[in-house]
Amino acid sequence: TLTADLVCAGGVALTVQTDDVDIDLNGHSLIGTAPGTAIQVQNAVGV
């Protein structure tokens, strides 16, 4: 659960490779300042 905005400078900000992961942005923002991917999910279900 985010407790504040998360600012990332490109690349992959967050990666999920595990089933049943919950990402609660909690009203906040995931912000990219350069080209990239915010959330990458690889072979995981229930995300």
All heavy atoms as atom14 arrays in JSON, in Angstrom:
{
  "sequence": "TLTADLVCAGGVALTVQTDDVDIDLNGHSLIGTAPGTAIQVQNAVGV",
  "atom14_mask": [
    [1, 1, 1, 1, 1, 1, 1, 0, 0, 0, 0, 0, 0, 0],
    [1, 1, 1, 1, 1, 1, 1, 1, 0, 0, 0, 0, 0, 0],
    [1, 1, 1, 1, 1, 1, 1, 0, 0, 0, 0, 0, 0, 0],
    [1, 1, 1, 1, 1, 0, 0, 0, 0, 0, 0, 0, 0, 0],
    [1, 1, 1, 1, 1, 1, 1, 1, 0, 0, 0, 0, 0, 0],
    [1, 1, 1, 1, 1, 1, 1, 1, 0, 0, 0, 0, 0, 0],
    [1, 1, 1, 1, 1, 1, 1, 0, 0, 0, 0, 0, 0, 0],
    [1, 1, 1, 1, 1, 1, 0, 0, 0, 0, 0, 0, 0, 0],
    [1, 1, 1, 1, 1, 0, 0, 0, 0, 0, 0, 0, 0, 0],
    [1, 1, 1, 1, 0, 0, 0, 0, 0, 0, 0, 0, 0, 0],
    [1, 1, 1, 1, 0, 0, 0, 0, 0, 0, 0, 0, 0, 0],
    [1, 1, 1, 1, 1, 1, 1, 0, 0, 0, 0, 0, 0, 0],
    [1, 1, 1, 1, 1, 0, 0, 0, 0, 0, 0, 0, 0, 0],
    [1, 1, 1, 1, 1, 1, 1, 1, 0, 0, 0, 0, 0, 0],
    [1, 1, 1, 1, 1, 1, 1, 0, 0, 0, 0, 0, 0, 0],
    [1, 1, 1, 1, 1, 1, 1, 0, 0, 0, 0, 0, 0, 0],
    [1, 1, 1, 1, 1, 1, 1, 1, 1, 0, 0, 0, 0, 0],
    [1, 1, 1, 1, 1, 1, 1, 0, 0, 0, 0, 0, 0, 0],
    [1, 1, 1, 1, 1, 1, 1, 1, 0, 0, 0, 0, 0, 0],
    [1, 1, 1, 1, 1, 1, 1, 1, 0, 0, 0, 0, 0, 0],
    [1, 1, 1, 1, 1, 1, 1, 0, 0, 0, 0, 0, 0, 0],
    [1, 1, 1, 1, 1, 1, 1, 1, 0, 0, 0, 0, 0, 0],
    [1, 1, 1, 1, 1, 1, 1, 1, 0, 0, 0, 0, 0, 0],
    [1, 1, 1, 1, 1, 1, 1, 1, 0, 0, 0, 0, 0, 0],
    [1, 1, 1, 1, 1, 1, 1, 1, 0, 0, 0, 0, 0, 0],
    [1, 1, 1, 1, 1, 1, 1, 1, 0, 0, 0, 0, 0, 0],
    [1, 1, 1, 1, 0, 0, 0, 0, 0, 0, 0, 0, 0, 0],
    [1, 1, 1, 1, 1, 1, 1, 1, 1, 1, 0, 0, 0, 0],
    [1, 1, 1, 1, 1, 1, 0, 0, 0, 0, 0, 0, 0, 0],
    [1, 1, 1, 1, 1, 1, 1, 1, 0, 0, 0, 0, 0, 0],
    [1, 1, 1, 1, 1, 1, 1, 1, 0, 0, 0, 0, 0, 0],
    [1, 1, 1, 1, 0, 0, 0, 0, 0, 0, 0, 0, 0, 0],
    [1, 1, 1, 1, 1, 1, 1, 0, 0, 0, 0, 0, 0, 0],
    [1, 1, 1, 1, 1, 0, 0, 0, 0, 0, 0, 0, 0, 0],
    [1, 1, 1, 1, 1, 1, 1, 0, 0, 0, 0, 0, 0, 0],
    [1, 1, 1, 1, 0, 0, 0, 0, 0, 0, 0, 0, 0, 0],
    [1, 1, 1, 1, 1, 1, 1, 0, 0, 0, 0, 0, 0, 0],
    [1, 1, 1, 1, 1, 0, 0, 0, 0, 0, 0, 0, 0, 0],
    [1, 1, 1, 1, 1, 1, 1, 1, 0, 0, 0, 0, 0, 0],
    [1, 1, 1, 1, 1, 1, 1, 1, 1, 0, 0, 0, 0, 0],
    [1, 1, 1, 1, 1, 1, 1, 0, 0, 0, 0, 0, 0, 0],
    [1, 1, 1, 1, 1, 1, 1, 1, 1, 0, 0, 0, 0, 0],
    [1, 1, 1, 1, 1, 1, 1, 1, 0, 0, 0, 0, 0, 0],
    [1, 1, 1, 1, 1, 0, 0, 0, 0, 0, 0, 0, 0, 0],
    [1, 1, 1, 1, 1, 1, 1, 0, 0, 0, 0, 0, 0, 0],
    [1, 1, 1, 1, 0, 0, 0, 0, 0, 0, 0, 0, 0, 0],
    [1, 1, 1, 1, 1, 1, 1, 0, 0, 0, 0, 0, 0, 0]
  ],
  "atom14_positions": [
    [[0.85, -1.18, 0.0], [0.0, 0.0, 0.0], [0.88, 1.23, 0.0], [1.74, 1.39, 0.87], [-0.92, 0.03, 1.23], [-1.75, -1.13, 1.24], [-1.8, 1.28, 1.22], [0.0, 0.0, 0.0], [0.0, 0.0, 0.0], [0.0, 0.0, 0.0], [0.0, 0.0, 0.0], [0.0, 0.0, 0.0], [0.0, 0.0, 0.0], [0.0, 0.0, 0.0]],
    [[0.69, 2.1, -0.98], [1.47, 3.34, -1.02], [1.02, 4.28, 0.09], [-0.18, 4.4, 0.36], [1.31, 4.04, -2.38], [2.42, 3.75, -3.43], [2.46, 2.28, -3.77], [2.19, 4.6, -4.68], [0.0, 0.0, 0.0], [0.0, 0.0, 0.0], [0.0, 0.0, 0.0], [0.0, 0.0, 0.0], [0.0, 0.0, 0.0], [0.0, 0.0, 0.0]],
    [[1.98, 4.93, 0.7], [1.68, 5.94, 1.71], [2.0, 7.34, 1.2], [1.75, 8.31, 1.91], [2.46, 5.66, 3.0], [3.87, 5.63, 2.7], [2.04, 4.33, 3.6], [0.0, 0.0, 0.0], [0.0, 0.0, 0.0], [0.0, 0.0, 0.0], [0.0, 0.0, 0.0], [0.0, 0.0, 0.0], [0.0, 0.0, 0.0], [0.0, 0.0, 0.0]],
    [[2.55, 7.42, -0.01], [2.86, 8.7, -0.64], [3.07, 8.45, -2.12], [3.17, 7.29, -2.57], [4.13, 9.32, -0.02], [0.0, 0.0, 0.0], [0.0, 0.0, 0.0], [0.0, 0.0, 0.0], [0.0, 0.0, 0.0], [0.0, 0.0, 0.0], [0.0, 0.0, 0.0], [0.0, 0.0, 0.0], [0.0, 0.0, 0.0], [0.0, 0.0, 0.0]],
    [[3.13, 9.49, -2.92], [3.45, 9.34, -4.33], [4.83, 8.68, -4.48], [5.74, 8.93, -3.68], [3.47, 10.69, -5.03], [2.09, 11.33, -5.13], [1.1, 10.64, -4.83], [2.03, 12.51, -5.52], [0.0, 0.0, 0.0], [0.0, 0.0, 0.0], [0.0, 0.0, 0.0], [0.0, 0.0, 0.0], [0.0, 0.0, 0.0], [0.0, 0.0, 0.0]],
    [[4.96, 7.85, -5.52], [6.24, 7.2, -5.82], [6.71, 7.7, -7.18], [6.03, 7.51, -8.19], [6.09, 5.68, -5.83], [7.34, 4.86, -6.11], [8.39, 5.09, -5.02], [7.0, 3.36, -6.21], [0.0, 0.0, 0.0], [0.0, 0.0, 0.0], [0.0, 0.0, 0.0], [0.0, 0.0, 0.0], [0.0, 0.0, 0.0], [0.0, 0.0, 0.0]],
    [[7.87, 8.36, -7.2], [8.41, 8.96, -8.41], [9.63, 8.16, -8.86], [10.57, 7.97, -8.08], [8.79, 10.43, -8.18], [9.33, 11.05, -9.48], [7.59, 11.22, -7.67], [0.0, 0.0, 0.0], [0.0, 0.0, 0.0], [0.0, 0.0, 0.0], [0.0, 0.0, 0.0], [0.0, 0.0, 0.0], [0.0, 0.0, 0.0], [0.0, 0.0, 0.0]],
    [[9.59, 7.67, -10.13], [10.66, 6.81, -10.63], [11.2, 7.36, -11.95], [10.43, 7.81, -12.8], [10.15, 5.39, -10.84], [9.52, 4.6, -9.33], [0.0, 0.0, 0.0], [0.0, 0.0, 0.0], [0.0, 0.0, 0.0], [0.0, 0.0, 0.0], [0.0, 0.0, 0.0], [0.0, 0.0, 0.0], [0.0, 0.0, 0.0], [0.0, 0.0, 0.0]],
    [[12.51, 7.28, -12.12], [13.18, 7.85, -13.29], [13.42, 6.75, -14.32], [14.54, 6.28, -14.51], [14.48, 8.51, -12.89], [0.0, 0.0, 0.0], [0.0, 0.0, 0.0], [0.0, 0.0, 0.0], [0.0, 0.0, 0.0], [0.0, 0.0, 0.0], [0.0, 0.0, 0.0], [0.0, 0.0, 0.0], [0.0, 0.0, 0.0], [0.0, 0.0, 0.0]],
    [[12.35, 6.32, -15.01], [12.5, 5.37, -16.09], [12.69, 3.94, -15.63], [12.61, 3.61, -14.45], [0.0, 0.0, 0.0], [0.0, 0.0, 0.0], [0.0, 0.0, 0.0], [0.0, 0.0, 0.0], [0.0, 0.0, 0.0], [0.0, 0.0, 0.0], [0.0, 0.0, 0.0], [0.0, 0.0, 0.0], [0.0, 0.0, 0.0], [0.0, 0.0, 0.0]],
    [[12.93, 3.05, -16.62], [13.07, 1.63, -16.31], [11.73, 1.04, -15.93], [10.67, 1.53, -16.3], [0.0, 0.0, 0.0], [0.0, 0.0, 0.0], [0.0, 0.0, 0.0], [0.0, 0.0, 0.0], [0.0, 0.0, 0.0], [0.0, 0.0, 0.0], [0.0, 0.0, 0.0], [0.0, 0.0, 0.0], [0.0, 0.0, 0.0], [0.0, 0.0, 0.0]],
    [[11.77, -0.04, -15.15], [10.56, -0.68, -14.63], [10.42, -0.3, -13.17], [11.29, -0.62, -12.34], [10.62, -2.2, -14.79], [9.37, -2.84, -14.21], [10.76, -2.58, -16.27], [0.0, 0.0, 0.0], [0.0, 0.0, 0.0], [0.0, 0.0, 0.0], [0.0, 0.0, 0.0], [0.0, 0.0, 0.0], [0.0, 0.0, 0.0], [0.0, 0.0, 0.0]],
    [[9.35, 0.38, -12.83], [9.19, 0.85, -11.45], [8.91, -0.31, -10.49], [9.58, -0.47, -9.48], [8.07, 1.88, -11.38], [0.0, 0.0, 0.0], [0.0, 0.0, 0.0], [0.0, 0.0, 0.0], [0.0, 0.0, 0.0], [0.0, 0.0, 0.0], [0.0, 0.0, 0.0], [0.0, 0.0, 0.0], [0.0, 0.0, 0.0], [0.0, 0.0, 0.0]],
    [[7.9, -1.14, -10.82], [7.53, -2.25, -9.95], [7.32, -3.5, -10.81], [6.68, -3.43, -11.87], [6.24, -1.94, -9.17], [6.27, -0.7, -8.27], [4.88, -0.45, -7.69], [7.3, -0.86, -7.16], [0.0, 0.0, 0.0], [0.0, 0.0, 0.0], [0.0, 0.0, 0.0], [0.0, 0.0, 0.0], [0.0, 0.0, 0.0], [0.0, 0.0, 0.0]],
    [[7.82, -4.63, -10.34], [7.67, -5.9, -11.04], [6.94, -6.88, -10.14], [7.24, -6.98, -8.94], [9.03, -6.48, -11.44], [9.7, -5.56, -12.32], [8.87, -7.81, -12.15], [0.0, 0.0, 0.0], [0.0, 0.0, 0.0], [0.0, 0.0, 0.0], [0.0, 0.0, 0.0], [0.0, 0.0, 0.0], [0.0, 0.0, 0.0], [0.0, 0.0, 0.0]],
    [[5.97, -7.63, -10.72], [5.24, -8.66, -9.98], [5.45, -9.98, -10.68], [5.13, -10.13, -11.87], [3.74, -8.33, -9.9], [3.01, -9.42, -9.12], [3.51, -6.97, -9.25], [0.0, 0.0, 0.0], [0.0, 0.0, 0.0], [0.0, 0.0, 0.0], [0.0, 0.0, 0.0], [0.0, 0.0, 0.0], [0.0, 0.0, 0.0], [0.0, 0.0, 0.0]],
    [[5.99, -10.96, -9.94], [6.18, -12.3, -10.46], [5.54, -13.35, -9.56], [5.72, -14.55, -9.76], [7.68, -12.59, -10.59], [8.38, -11.65, -11.55], [9.9, -11.84, -11.54], [10.48, -12.3, -10.55], [10.55, -11.47, -12.65], [0.0, 0.0, 0.0], [0.0, 0.0, 0.0], [0.0, 0.0, 0.0], [0.0, 0.0, 0.0], [0.0, 0.0, 0.0]],
    [[4.75, -12.88, -8.58], [4.14, -13.74, -7.57], [2.62, -13.6, -7.64], [2.11, -12.48, -7.8], [4.62, -13.35, -6.17], [6.06, -13.42, -6.14], [4.04, -14.27, -5.11], [0.0, 0.0, 0.0], [0.0, 0.0, 0.0], [0.0, 0.0, 0.0], [0.0, 0.0, 0.0], [0.0, 0.0, 0.0], [0.0, 0.0, 0.0], [0.0, 0.0, 0.0]],
    [[1.9, -14.7, -7.52], [0.44, -14.66, -7.56], [-0.14, -13.88, -6.39], [0.47, -13.77, -5.31], [-0.12, -16.08, -7.52], [0.2, -16.88, -8.77], [0.69, -16.29, -9.75], [-0.04, -18.11, -8.75], [0.0, 0.0, 0.0], [0.0, 0.0, 0.0], [0.0, 0.0, 0.0], [0.0, 0.0, 0.0], [0.0, 0.0, 0.0], [0.0, 0.0, 0.0]],
    [[-1.35, -13.34, -6.61], [-2.19, -12.76, -5.54], [-1.55, -11.55, -4.87], [-1.74, -11.32, -3.67], [-2.55, -13.83, -4.5], [-3.27, -15.01, -5.12], [-4.14, -14.79, -5.97], [-2.94, -16.15, -4.76], [0.0, 0.0, 0.0], [0.0, 0.0, 0.0], [0.0, 0.0, 0.0], [0.0, 0.0, 0.0], [0.0, 0.0, 0.0], [0.0, 0.0, 0.0]],
    [[-0.81, -10.77, -5.62], [-0.26, -9.52, -5.09], [-1.25, -8.39, -5.35], [-1.75, -8.21, -6.46], [1.1, -9.2, -5.74], [1.54, -7.77, -5.41], [2.15, -10.19, -5.26], [0.0, 0.0, 0.0], [0.0, 0.0, 0.0], [0.0, 0.0, 0.0], [0.0, 0.0, 0.0], [0.0, 0.0, 0.0], [0.0, 0.0, 0.0], [0.0, 0.0, 0.0]],
    [[-1.54, -7.61, -4.3], [-2.42, -6.45, -4.4], [-1.6, -5.17, -4.27], [-0.87, -5.0, -3.28], [-3.49, -6.5, -3.31], [-4.35, -5.25, -3.29], [-4.94, -4.92, -4.33], [-4.41, -4.58, -2.24], [0.0, 0.0, 0.0], [0.0, 0.0, 0.0], [0.0, 0.0, 0.0], [0.0, 0.0, 0.0], [0.0, 0.0, 0.0], [0.0, 0.0, 0.0]],
    [[-1.7, -4.3, -5.27], [-1.02, -3.0, -5.22], [-2.08, -1.95, -4.99], [-2.85, -1.62, -5.91], [-0.23, -2.73, -6.5], [0.81, -3.83, -6.74], [0.45, -1.37, -6.44], [1.51, -3.73, -8.08], [0.0, 0.0, 0.0], [0.0, 0.0, 0.0], [0.0, 0.0, 0.0], [0.0, 0.0, 0.0], [0.0, 0.0, 0.0], [0.0, 0.0, 0.0]],
    [[-2.16, -1.44, -3.79], [-3.12, -0.4, -3.44], [-2.41, 0.95, -3.51], [-1.56, 1.27, -2.66], [-3.68, -0.65, -2.03], [-4.77, 0.35, -1.65], [-5.05, 1.27, -2.45], [-5.33, 0.21, -0.56], [0.0, 0.0, 0.0], [0.0, 0.0, 0.0], [0.0, 0.0, 0.0], [0.0, 0.0, 0.0], [0.0, 0.0, 0.0], [0.0, 0.0, 0.0]],
    [[-2.73, 1.72, -4.54], [-2.11, 3.04, -4.67], [-2.61, 4.01, -3.61], [-2.0, 5.06, -3.38], [-2.36, 3.59, -6.07], [-1.8, 2.73, -7.23], [-2.21, 3.31, -8.57], [-0.3, 2.58, -7.14], [0.0, 0.0, 0.0], [0.0, 0.0, 0.0], [0.0, 0.0, 0.0], [0.0, 0.0, 0.0], [0.0, 0.0, 0.0], [0.0, 0.0, 0.0]],
    [[-3.74, 3.67, -2.99], [-4.2, 4.39, -1.8], [-4.4, 5.89, -2.08], [-4.11, 6.73, -1.25], [-3.19, 4.18, -0.66], [-3.74, 4.58, 0.7], [-4.95, 4.52, 0.93], [-2.84, 5.01, 1.58], [0.0, 0.0, 0.0], [0.0, 0.0, 0.0], [0.0, 0.0, 0.0], [0.0, 0.0, 0.0], [0.0, 0.0, 0.0], [0.0, 0.0, 0.0]],
    [[-4.89, 6.19, -3.28], [-5.13, 7.58, -3.63], [-3.91, 8.34, -4.1], [-4.01, 9.53, -4.43], [0.0, 0.0, 0.0], [0.0, 0.0, 0.0], [0.0, 0.0, 0.0], [0.0, 0.0, 0.0], [0.0, 0.0, 0.0], [0.0, 0.0, 0.0], [0.0, 0.0, 0.0], [0.0, 0.0, 0.0], [0.0, 0.0, 0.0], [0.0, 0.0, 0.0]],
    [[-2.76, 7.68, -4.16], [-1.52, 8.32, -4.56], [-1.2, 8.04, -6.04], [-1.94, 7.35, -6.72], [-0.37, 7.85, -3.67], [-0.56, 8.21, -2.23], [-0.49, 9.5, -1.77], [-0.82, 7.42, -1.14], [-0.69, 9.52, -0.47], [-0.91, 8.27, -0.06], [0.0, 0.0, 0.0], [0.0, 0.0, 0.0], [0.0, 0.0, 0.0], [0.0, 0.0, 0.0]],
    [[-0.08, 8.59, -6.5], [0.33, 8.47, -7.89], [1.65, 7.74, -8.01], [2.55, 7.93, -7.19], [0.45, 9.86, -8.53], [-0.8, 10.51, -8.57], [0.0, 0.0, 0.0], [0.0, 0.0, 0.0], [0.0, 0.0, 0.0], [0.0, 0.0, 0.0], [0.0, 0.0, 0.0], [0.0, 0.0, 0.0], [0.0, 0.0, 0.0], [0.0, 0.0, 0.0]],
    [[1.74, 6.93, -9.04], [3.0, 6.32, -9.46], [3.45, 7.12, -10.67], [2.79, 7.11, -11.72], [2.78, 4.85, -9.79], [3.98, 3.99, -10.18], [5.11, 4.11, -9.17], [3.54, 2.54, -10.32], [0.0, 0.0, 0.0], [0.0, 0.0, 0.0], [0.0, 0.0, 0.0], [0.0, 0.0, 0.0], [0.0, 0.0, 0.0], [0.0, 0.0, 0.0]],
    [[4.56, 7.85, -10.55], [4.94, 8.88, -11.52], [6.27, 8.51, -12.18], [7.26, 8.22, -11.49], [5.07, 10.26, -10.83], [3.74, 10.63, -10.16], [5.48, 11.33, -11.84], [3.85, 11.83, -9.24], [0.0, 0.0, 0.0], [0.0, 0.0, 0.0], [0.0, 0.0, 0.0], [0.0, 0.0, 0.0], [0.0, 0.0, 0.0], [0.0, 0.0, 0.0]],
    [[6.29, 8.55, -13.51], [7.53, 8.33, -14.25], [8.05, 9.64, -14.8], [7.31, 10.45, -15.34], [0.0, 0.0, 0.0], [0.0, 0.0, 0.0], [0.0, 0.0, 0.0], [0.0, 0.0, 0.0], [0.0, 0.0, 0.0], [0.0, 0.0, 0.0], [0.0, 0.0, 0.0], [0.0, 0.0, 0.0], [0.0, 0.0, 0.0], [0.0, 0.0, 0.0]],
    [[9.34, 9.84, -14.66], [9.96, 11.06, -15.17], [10.8, 10.8, -16.41], [11.45, 11.72, -16.93], [10.84, 11.71, -14.09], [11.88, 10.78, -13.71], [10.02, 12.07, -12.86], [0.0, 0.0, 0.0], [0.0, 0.0, 0.0], [0.0, 0.0, 0.0], [0.0, 0.0, 0.0], [0.0, 0.0, 0.0], [0.0, 0.0, 0.0], [0.0, 0.0, 0.0]],
    [[10.81, 9.56, -16.89], [11.55, 9.19, -18.1], [10.86, 7.97, -18.69], [10.07, 7.3, -18.02], [13.01, 8.89, -17.77], [0.0, 0.0, 0.0], [0.0, 0.0, 0.0], [0.0, 0.0, 0.0], [0.0, 0.0, 0.0], [0.0, 0.0, 0.0], [0.0, 0.0, 0.0], [0.0, 0.0, 0.0], [0.0, 0.0, 0.0], [0.0, 0.0, 0.0]],
    [[11.13, 7.63, -19.97], [10.49, 6.46, -20.57], [10.7, 5.2, -19.75], [11.79, 4.96, -19.22], [11.17, 6.36, -21.93], [11.6, 7.75, -22.25], [12.01, 8.34, -20.93], [0.0, 0.0, 0.0], [0.0, 0.0, 0.0], [0.0, 0.0, 0.0], [0.0, 0.0, 0.0], [0.0, 0.0, 0.0], [0.0, 0.0, 0.0], [0.0, 0.0, 0.0]],
    [[9.65, 4.41, -19.66], [9.75, 3.17, -18.89], [8.38, 2.57, -18.65], [7.38, 2.98, -19.25], [0.0, 0.0, 0.0], [0.0, 0.0, 0.0], [0.0, 0.0, 0.0], [0.0, 0.0, 0.0], [0.0, 0.0, 0.0], [0.0, 0.0, 0.0], [0.0, 0.0, 0.0], [0.0, 0.0, 0.0], [0.0, 0.0, 0.0], [0.0, 0.0, 0.0]],
    [[8.31, 1.59, -17.75], [7.08, 0.87, -17.43], [6.78, 1.03, -15.95], [7.66, 0.82, -15.11], [7.23, -0.62, -17.77], [7.48, -0.76, -19.17], [5.99, -1.4, -17.4], [0.0, 0.0, 0.0], [0.0, 0.0, 0.0], [0.0, 0.0, 0.0], [0.0, 0.0, 0.0], [0.0, 0.0, 0.0], [0.0, 0.0, 0.0], [0.0, 0.0, 0.0]],
    [[5.55, 1.37, -15.64], [5.17, 1.55, -14.24], [5.1, 0.21, -13.5], [5.78, 0.01, -12.48], [3.84, 2.28, -14.15], [0.0, 0.0, 0.0], [0.0, 0.0, 0.0], [0.0, 0.0, 0.0], [0.0, 0.0, 0.0], [0.0, 0.0, 0.0], [0.0, 0.0, 0.0], [0.0, 0.0, 0.0], [0.0, 0.0, 0.0], [0.0, 0.0, 0.0]],
    [[4.27, -0.72, -14.01], [4.09, -2.01, -13.35], [4.2, -3.1, -14.4], [3.48, -3.1, -15.4], [2.73, -2.1, -12.65], [2.62, -1.01, -11.56], [2.53, -3.48, -12.03], [1.25, -0.92, -10.93], [0.0, 0.0, 0.0], [0.0, 0.0, 0.0], [0.0, 0.0, 0.0], [0.0, 0.0, 0.0], [0.0, 0.0, 0.0], [0.0, 0.0, 0.0]],
    [[5.09, -4.03, -14.18], [5.27, -5.17, -15.08], [4.87, -6.44, -14.35], [5.39, -6.73, -13.27], [6.71, -5.27, -15.55], [6.97, -6.39, -16.53], [8.31, -6.26, -17.22], [8.47, -5.52, -18.17], [9.3, -6.97, -16.7], [0.0, 0.0, 0.0], [0.0, 0.0, 0.0], [0.0, 0.0, 0.0], [0.0, 0.0, 0.0], [0.0, 0.0, 0.0]],
    [[3.92, -7.18, -14.95], [3.45, -8.43, -14.35], [3.89, -9.58, -15.25], [3.56, -9.61, -16.43], [1.92, -8.43, -14.2], [1.44, -9.76, -13.61], [1.46, -7.26, -13.34], [0.0, 0.0, 0.0], [0.0, 0.0, 0.0], [0.0, 0.0, 0.0], [0.0, 0.0, 0.0], [0.0, 0.0, 0.0], [0.0, 0.0, 0.0], [0.0, 0.0, 0.0]],
    [[4.63, -10.52, -14.67], [5.18, -11.64, -15.44], [4.64, -12.95, -14.88], [4.96, -13.33, -13.75], [6.71, -11.64, -15.36], [7.35, -10.38, -15.92], [8.86, -10.35, -15.7], [9.42, -11.23, -15.05], [9.51, -9.33, -16.24], [0.0, 0.0, 0.0], [0.0, 0.0, 0.0], [0.0, 0.0, 0.0], [0.0, 0.0, 0.0], [0.0, 0.0, 0.0]],
    [[3.77, -13.61, -15.67], [3.31, -14.98, -15.34], [2.73, -15.08, -13.95], [2.86, -16.11, -13.3], [4.46, -15.97, -15.49], [5.05, -15.96, -16.88], [6.09, -15.35, -17.11], [4.38, -16.6, -17.82], [0.0, 0.0, 0.0], [0.0, 0.0, 0.0], [0.0, 0.0, 0.0], [0.0, 0.0, 0.0], [0.0, 0.0, 0.0], [0.0, 0.0, 0.0]],
    [[2.06, -14.02, -13.5], [1.42, -14.05, -12.18], [-0.08, -13.86, -12.35], [-0.53, -13.05, -13.18], [2.0, -12.96, -11.28], [0.0, 0.0, 0.0], [0.0, 0.0, 0.0], [0.0, 0.0, 0.0], [0.0, 0.0, 0.0], [0.0, 0.0, 0.0], [0.0, 0.0, 0.0], [0.0, 0.0, 0.0], [0.0, 0.0, 0.0], [0.0, 0.0, 0.0]],
    [[-0.87, -14.58, -11.57], [-2.33, -14.46, -11.62], [-2.82, -13.9, -10.3], [-2.12, -13.89, -9.29], [-2.98, -15.82, -11.91], [-2.5, -16.37, -13.24], [-2.7, -16.82, -10.79], [0.0, 0.0, 0.0], [0.0, 0.0, 0.0], [0.0, 0.0, 0.0], [0.0, 0.0, 0.0], [0.0, 0.0, 0.0], [0.0, 0.0, 0.0], [0.0, 0.0, 0.0]],
    [[-4.07, -13.41, -10.33], [-4.65, -12.85, -9.12], [-4.04, -11.53, -8.71], [-4.15, -11.12, -7.54], [0.0, 0.0, 0.0], [0.0, 0.0, 0.0], [0.0, 0.0, 0.0], [0.0, 0.0, 0.0], [0.0, 0.0, 0.0], [0.0, 0.0, 0.0], [0.0, 0.0, 0.0], [0.0, 0.0, 0.0], [0.0, 0.0, 0.0], [0.0, 0.0, 0.0]],
    [[-3.43, -10.81, -9.64], [-2.8, -9.52, -9.33], [-3.86, -8.42, -9.43], [-4.64, -8.38, -10.39], [-1.65, -9.23, -10.3], [-1.04, -7.85, -10.03], [-0.59, -10.31, -10.19], [0.0, 0.0, 0.0], [0.0, 0.0, 0.0], [0.0, 0.0, 0.0], [0.0, 0.0, 0.0], [0.0, 0.0, 0.0], [0.0, 0.0, 0.0], [0.0, 0.0, 0.0]]
  ]
}
